[in-house]
Amino acid sequence: MNNQEFIRHALTDNVLLIKLGQSLDNNNAHAVLETITVAHDEGYTFIIVDMAEVDFLSSAGVGSILGTVEMFREQGGDIILCNVSNTALHVLKVLDLDDFLTIKPTVNEARELCGIKV
């Protein structure tokens, strides 16, 4: 998987997993934003963003997630980040977003938050 690719995988009718590549930046932020928006339009309530491979996170990348969080929360869902590296977590803390965003250590913990038994 190169740095611009990501994988979209439905876990249930209302939970979508997006597994990112090496970066979330200007090169792929729009595609991620579009994927999240389409998933919302398709009726997904929760998006799990697996960031295990991400070693670079830009403000554009953060914006692709921030711009959509509220529309999921308004429907009782959320966007959940998981497997966030220390580097990416540092970016989120500097932007003072670590308390605003839902962050879980693992995919399984994110799945449990969405009501999926592991």
Protein backbone atom coordinates (compact mmCIF):
# COMPACT_ATOMS: atom_id res chain seq x y z
CA MET A 1 0.00 0.00 0.00
CA ASN A 2 1.59 3.31 -0.98
CA ASN A 3 1.13 6.53 0.93
CA GLN A 4 -1.94 7.64 -1.05
CA GLU A 5 -3.94 4.45 -0.88
CA PHE A 6 -6.37 3.39 1.77
CA ILE A 7 -8.72 0.47 2.22
CA ARG A 8 -12.46 0.82 2.82
CA HIS A 9 -14.11 -2.19 4.49
CA ALA A 10 -17.68 -2.50 5.82
CA LEU A 11 -17.70 -4.20 9.23
CA THR A 12 -21.50 -4.03 9.64
CA ASP A 13 -24.37 -2.19 7.98
CA ASN A 14 -23.54 0.91 10.00
CA VAL A 15 -19.78 0.63 10.72
CA LEU A 16 -17.12 1.31 8.09
CA LEU A 17 -13.39 0.73 8.60
CA ILE A 18 -10.94 2.90 6.68
CA LYS A 19 -7.34 1.71 6.88
CA LEU A 20 -4.98 4.49 5.89
CA GLY A 21 -1.58 4.20 4.22
CA GLN A 22 1.64 5.89 5.30
CA SER A 23 0.32 9.43 5.34
CA LEU A 24 -2.79 11.53 5.62
CA ASP A 25 -1.87 14.75 3.85
CA ASN A 26 -2.61 17.04 0.89
CA ASN A 27 -2.18 14.13 -1.53
CA ASN A 28 -5.04 12.03 -0.13
CA ALA A 29 -7.04 14.24 2.25
CA HIS A 30 -9.69 14.98 -0.37
CA ALA A 31 -10.13 11.28 -1.22
CA VAL A 32 -10.48 10.41 2.48
CA LEU A 33 -12.97 13.27 2.97
CA GLU A 34 -14.97 12.08 -0.04
CA THR A 35 -14.96 8.47 1.22
CA ILE A 36 -16.21 9.56 4.65
CA THR A 37 -18.91 11.78 3.14
CA VAL A 38 -20.09 9.02 0.79
CA ALA A 39 -20.17 6.58 3.72
CA HIS A 40 -22.39 9.02 5.63
CA ASP A 41 -24.69 9.30 2.61
CA GLU A 42 -24.80 5.48 2.43
CA GLY A 43 -26.11 5.36 6.00
CA TYR A 44 -23.01 4.45 7.98
CA THR A 45 -23.19 5.76 11.54
CA PHE A 46 -19.63 5.02 12.63
CA ILE A 47 -16.34 5.33 10.78
CA ILE A 48 -13.27 3.66 12.26
CA VAL A 49 -10.06 5.16 10.89
CA ASP A 50 -7.17 2.74 11.40
CA MET A 51 -3.99 4.83 11.45
CA ALA A 52 -1.52 1.99 12.16
CA GLU A 53 0.51 2.73 9.01
CA VAL A 54 0.37 6.53 9.22
CA ASP A 55 3.74 8.12 9.89
CA PHE A 56 2.86 11.59 8.56
CA LEU A 57 -0.25 13.62 9.39
CA SER A 58 -0.74 17.11 7.96
CA SER A 59 -3.27 19.80 8.82
CA ALA A 60 -5.10 19.00 5.56
CA GLY A 61 -5.31 15.38 6.70
CA VAL A 62 -6.68 16.38 10.07
CA GLY A 63 -9.16 18.68 8.32
CA SER A 64 -10.50 15.79 6.24
CA ILE A 65 -11.66 14.12 9.44
CA LEU A 66 -12.61 17.23 11.42
CA GLY A 67 -14.92 18.48 8.72
CA THR A 68 -17.13 15.40 9.01
CA VAL A 69 -17.15 14.48 12.70
CA GLU A 70 -20.19 16.57 13.60
CA MET A 71 -22.45 15.10 10.91
CA PHE A 72 -21.85 11.64 12.37
CA ARG A 73 -22.26 12.80 15.97
CA GLU A 74 -25.56 14.50 15.09
CA GLN A 75 -26.87 11.04 14.11
CA GLY A 76 -25.62 9.36 17.28
CA GLY A 77 -22.46 8.04 15.63
CA ASP A 78 -18.84 9.13 15.48
CA ILE A 79 -15.55 8.93 13.68
CA ILE A 80 -13.11 6.93 15.78
CA LEU A 81 -9.37 7.03 15.26
CA CYS A 82 -7.36 4.01 16.36
CA ASN A 83 -3.78 2.76 16.29
CA VAL A 84 -2.62 6.39 16.30
CA SER A 85 1.18 6.64 16.36
CA ASN A 86 2.93 8.86 18.88
CA THR A 87 3.90 11.19 16.03
CA ALA A 88 0.31 11.60 14.80
CA LEU A 89 -0.97 11.88 18.37
CA HIS A 90 1.53 14.68 18.97
CA VAL A 91 0.08 16.58 15.98
CA LEU A 92 -3.44 16.14 17.36
CA LYS A 93 -2.31 17.35 20.81
CA VAL A 94 -0.55 20.40 19.36
CA LEU A 95 -3.79 21.27 17.53
CA ASP A 96 -5.66 20.66 20.82
CA LEU A 97 -7.84 18.00 19.17
CA ASP A 98 -6.94 14.95 21.24
CA ASP A 99 -9.90 15.59 23.58
CA PHE A 100 -12.34 16.54 20.79
CA LEU A 101 -11.69 13.49 18.62
CA THR A 102 -12.53 9.96 19.73
CA ILE A 103 -9.27 8.00 19.89
CA LYS A 104 -8.94 4.35 20.86
CA PRO A 105 -5.71 2.34 21.14
CA THR A 106 -6.85 -0.60 18.95
CA VAL A 107 -9.32 -1.52 16.23
CA ASN A 108 -11.01 -3.95 18.63
CA GLU A 109 -11.64 -1.18 21.18
CA ALA A 110 -13.01 1.03 18.41
CA ARG A 111 -15.27 -1.82 17.25
CA GLU A 112 -16.57 -2.31 20.81
CA LEU A 113 -17.40 1.42 21.00
CA CYS A 114 -19.53 0.92 17.87
CA GLY A 115 -21.37 -1.97 19.50
CA ILE A 116 -19.53 -4.77 17.70
CA LYS A 117 -18.66 -7.70 19.94
CA VAL A 118 -15.08 -8.83 19.51
